[in-house]
Amino acid sequence: MEENEEKLEVKKPENEEEVKKLVIDLSKEGYPSEKIGLILRDKYGVYVNNFGLKISKILKEEGIWKNSDMKNINDNFEKLSNHLKENKHDYPAKRKLLKKGAKLKALKK
């Protein structure tokens, strides 16, 4: 890090309403709930639990919550499917694909 670089001063949210607004803004920028928690901790020095809040509950109240587990499993499923198109005899990958399919099915219920 160079000495000439300036650190940006970020205003630390001081009450629940400011934290909720910040969580909603970060979500609208496209960050998943796990990443929002890390950004709040690293950039703002705020732990949402200290305010008695949960990021997923805030996002559910606003109607913008997305199940990140389903997204991650679905992405992995697609990668495995594409891999198996080129590598038809990769049997361990076929088994993983079946397991991921079962997890997706269970999450959709």
C-alpha atoms as a PDB file:
ATOM      1  CA  MET A   1       0.000   0.000   0.000  1.00  0.00           C
ATOM      2  CA  GLU A   2       1.381   3.373  -0.944  1.00  0.00           C
ATOM      3  CA  GLU A   3       1.540   6.252   1.498  1.00  0.00           C
ATOM      4  CA  ASN A   4      -0.213   8.567  -0.945  1.00  0.00           C
ATOM      5  CA  GLU A   5      -3.380   6.485  -1.029  1.00  0.00           C
ATOM      6  CA  GLU A   6      -6.188   8.008   0.950  1.00  0.00           C
ATOM      7  CA  LYS A   7      -8.487   5.888   3.057  1.00  0.00           C
ATOM      8  CA  LEU A   8     -12.099   6.674   2.368  1.00  0.00           C
ATOM      9  CA  GLU A   9     -13.954   7.659   5.495  1.00  0.00           C
ATOM     10  CA  VAL A  10     -17.163   5.671   5.689  1.00  0.00           C
ATOM     11  CA  LYS A  11     -19.945   6.703   8.042  1.00  0.00           C
ATOM     12  CA  LYS A  12     -20.685   3.918  10.492  1.00  0.00           C
ATOM     13  CA  PRO A  13     -24.426   3.233  10.852  1.00  0.00           C
ATOM     14  CA  GLU A  14     -25.543   3.938  14.389  1.00  0.00           C
ATOM     15  CA  ASN A  15     -29.096   2.589  14.589  1.00  0.00           C
ATOM     16  CA  GLU A  16     -31.273  -0.202  13.226  1.00  0.00           C
ATOM     17  CA  GLU A  17     -32.849   1.895  10.482  1.00  0.00           C
ATOM     18  CA  GLU A  18     -29.467   2.891   9.023  1.00  0.00           C
ATOM     19  CA  VAL A  19     -28.308  -0.736   9.084  1.00  0.00           C
ATOM     20  CA  LYS A  20     -31.523  -1.906   7.378  1.00  0.00           C
ATOM     21  CA  LYS A  21     -31.142   0.765   4.688  1.00  0.00           C
ATOM     22  CA  LEU A  22     -27.522  -0.236   4.121  1.00  0.00           C
ATOM     23  CA  VAL A  23     -28.420  -3.944   3.848  1.00  0.00           C
ATOM     24  CA  ILE A  24     -31.166  -3.179   1.322  1.00  0.00           C
ATOM     25  CA  ASP A  25     -28.864  -0.935  -0.725  1.00  0.00           C
ATOM     26  CA  LEU A  26     -26.138  -3.605  -0.837  1.00  0.00           C
ATOM     27  CA  SER A  27     -28.671  -6.228  -1.868  1.00  0.00           C
ATOM     28  CA  LYS A  28     -29.940  -4.035  -4.698  1.00  0.00           C
ATOM     29  CA  GLU A  29     -26.335  -3.709  -5.893  1.00  0.00           C
ATOM     30  CA  GLY A  30     -26.388  -7.485  -6.366  1.00  0.00           C
ATOM     31  CA  TYR A  31     -24.597  -8.794  -3.291  1.00  0.00           C
ATOM     32  CA  PRO A  32     -25.876 -12.037  -1.688  1.00  0.00           C
ATOM     33  CA  SER A  33     -26.687 -12.034   2.023  1.00  0.00           C
ATOM     34  CA  GLU A  34     -23.421 -13.770   2.978  1.00  0.00           C
ATOM     35  CA  LYS A  35     -21.384 -11.126   1.176  1.00  0.00           C
ATOM     36  CA  ILE A  36     -23.433  -8.305   2.723  1.00  0.00           C
ATOM     37  CA  GLY A  37     -22.441  -9.487   6.194  1.00  0.00           C
ATOM     38  CA  LEU A  38     -18.772  -9.491   5.239  1.00  0.00           C
ATOM     39  CA  ILE A  39     -18.981  -6.014   3.699  1.00  0.00           C
ATOM     40  CA  LEU A  40     -20.709  -4.629   6.783  1.00  0.00           C
ATOM     41  CA  ARG A  41     -18.050  -6.160   9.013  1.00  0.00           C
ATOM     42  CA  ASP A  42     -14.990  -5.211   6.968  1.00  0.00           C
ATOM     43  CA  LYS A  43     -15.957  -1.841   5.524  1.00  0.00           C
ATOM     44  CA  TYR A  44     -18.262  -0.414   8.186  1.00  0.00           C
ATOM     45  CA  GLY A  45     -17.192  -2.320  11.310  1.00  0.00           C
ATOM     46  CA  VAL A  46     -20.797  -3.281  11.997  1.00  0.00           C
ATOM     47  CA  TYR A  47     -22.134  -6.625  13.143  1.00  0.00           C
ATOM     48  CA  VAL A  48     -25.819  -6.889  12.320  1.00  0.00           C
ATOM     49  CA  ASN A  49     -26.351  -9.265  15.254  1.00  0.00           C
ATOM     50  CA  ASN A  50     -25.364  -6.468  17.655  1.00  0.00           C
ATOM     51  CA  PHE A  51     -28.553  -4.684  16.608  1.00  0.00           C
ATOM     52  CA  GLY A  52     -30.644  -7.844  17.047  1.00  0.00           C
ATOM     53  CA  LEU A  53     -31.197  -8.106  13.297  1.00  0.00           C
ATOM     54  CA  LYS A  54     -30.643 -10.783  10.678  1.00  0.00           C
ATOM     55  CA  ILE A  55     -29.798  -9.974   7.088  1.00  0.00           C
ATOM     56  CA  SER A  56     -32.068 -12.662   5.653  1.00  0.00           C
ATOM     57  CA  LYS A  57     -35.045 -11.412   7.704  1.00  0.00           C
ATOM     58  CA  ILE A  58     -34.465  -7.835   6.549  1.00  0.00           C
ATOM     59  CA  LEU A  59     -34.352  -8.967   2.924  1.00  0.00           C
ATOM     60  CA  LYS A  60     -37.436 -11.195   3.349  1.00  0.00           C
ATOM     61  CA  GLU A  61     -39.406  -8.260   4.767  1.00  0.00           C
ATOM     62  CA  GLU A  62     -38.484  -6.212   1.697  1.00  0.00           C
ATOM     63  CA  GLY A  63     -39.242  -9.113  -0.650  1.00  0.00           C
ATOM     64  CA  ILE A  64     -35.769  -9.201  -2.212  1.00  0.00           C
ATOM     65  CA  TRP A  65     -34.290 -12.267  -0.496  1.00  0.00           C
ATOM     66  CA  LYS A  66     -32.874 -15.012  -2.729  1.00  0.00           C
ATOM     67  CA  ASN A  67     -31.923 -18.471  -1.530  1.00  0.00           C
ATOM     68  CA  SER A  68     -28.172 -18.512  -2.080  1.00  0.00           C
ATOM     69  CA  ASP A  69     -27.903 -22.249  -1.353  1.00  0.00           C
ATOM     70  CA  MET A  70     -30.170 -22.990  -4.289  1.00  0.00           C
ATOM     71  CA  LYS A  71     -28.219 -20.616  -6.526  1.00  0.00           C
ATOM     72  CA  ASN A  72     -24.874 -22.179  -5.597  1.00  0.00           C
ATOM     73  CA  ILE A  73     -26.109 -25.740  -6.080  1.00  0.00           C
ATOM     74  CA  ASN A  74     -27.786 -24.807  -9.365  1.00  0.00           C
ATOM     75  CA  ASP A  75     -24.560 -23.211 -10.670  1.00  0.00           C
ATOM     76  CA  ASN A  76     -22.588 -26.309  -9.675  1.00  0.00           C
ATOM     77  CA  PHE A  77     -25.217 -28.536 -11.331  1.00  0.00           C
ATOM     78  CA  GLU A  78     -24.902 -26.605 -14.599  1.00  0.00           C
ATOM     79  CA  LYS A  79     -21.091 -26.830 -14.536  1.00  0.00           C
ATOM     80  CA  LEU A  80     -21.247 -30.573 -13.972  1.00  0.00           C
ATOM     81  CA  SER A  81     -23.794 -30.966 -16.782  1.00  0.00           C
ATOM     82  CA  ASN A  82     -21.555 -29.104 -19.212  1.00  0.00           C
ATOM     83  CA  HIS A  83     -18.553 -31.138 -18.067  1.00  0.00           C
ATOM     84  CA  LEU A  84     -20.398 -34.409 -18.642  1.00  0.00           C
ATOM     85  CA  LYS A  85     -21.360 -33.401 -22.174  1.00  0.00           C
ATOM     86  CA  GLU A  86     -17.664 -33.445 -23.064  1.00  0.00           C
ATOM     87  CA  ASN A  87     -16.566 -36.246 -20.705  1.00  0.00           C
ATOM     88  CA  LYS A  88     -19.169 -38.992 -20.960  1.00  0.00           C
ATOM     89  CA  HIS A  89     -17.120 -41.587 -19.074  1.00  0.00           C
ATOM     90  CA  ASP A  90     -16.463 -39.484 -15.988  1.00  0.00           C
ATOM     91  CA  TYR A  91     -18.442 -41.656 -13.583  1.00  0.00           C
ATOM     92  CA  PRO A  92     -17.586 -39.794 -10.354  1.00  0.00           C
ATOM     93  CA  ALA A  93     -18.917 -36.610 -11.974  1.00  0.00           C
ATOM     94  CA  LYS A  94     -22.132 -38.430 -12.939  1.00  0.00           C
ATOM     95  CA  ARG A  95     -22.614 -39.440  -9.306  1.00  0.00           C
ATOM     96  CA  LYS A  96     -22.004 -35.863  -8.141  1.00  0.00           C
ATOM     97  CA  LEU A  97     -24.546 -34.662 -10.694  1.00  0.00           C
ATOM     98  CA  LEU A  98     -27.159 -37.052  -9.293  1.00  0.00           C
ATOM     99  CA  LYS A  99     -26.451 -35.853  -5.742  1.00  0.00           C
ATOM    100  CA  LYS A 100     -26.697 -32.200  -6.755  1.00  0.00           C
ATOM    101  CA  GLY A 101     -29.979 -32.944  -8.536  1.00  0.00           C
ATOM    102  CA  ALA A 102     -31.366 -34.513  -5.385  1.00  0.00           C
ATOM    103  CA  LYS A 103     -30.307 -31.495  -3.304  1.00  0.00           C
ATOM    104  CA  LEU A 104     -31.976 -29.138  -5.781  1.00  0.00           C
ATOM    105  CA  LYS A 105     -35.159 -31.152  -5.680  1.00  0.00           C
ATOM    106  CA  ALA A 106     -35.170 -31.091  -1.871  1.00  0.00           C
ATOM    107  CA  LEU A 107     -34.557 -27.328  -1.741  1.00  0.00           C
ATOM    108  CA  LYS A 108     -37.372 -26.575  -4.191  1.00  0.00           C
ATOM    109  CA  LYS A 109     -39.946 -28.180  -1.878  1.00  0.00           C
END
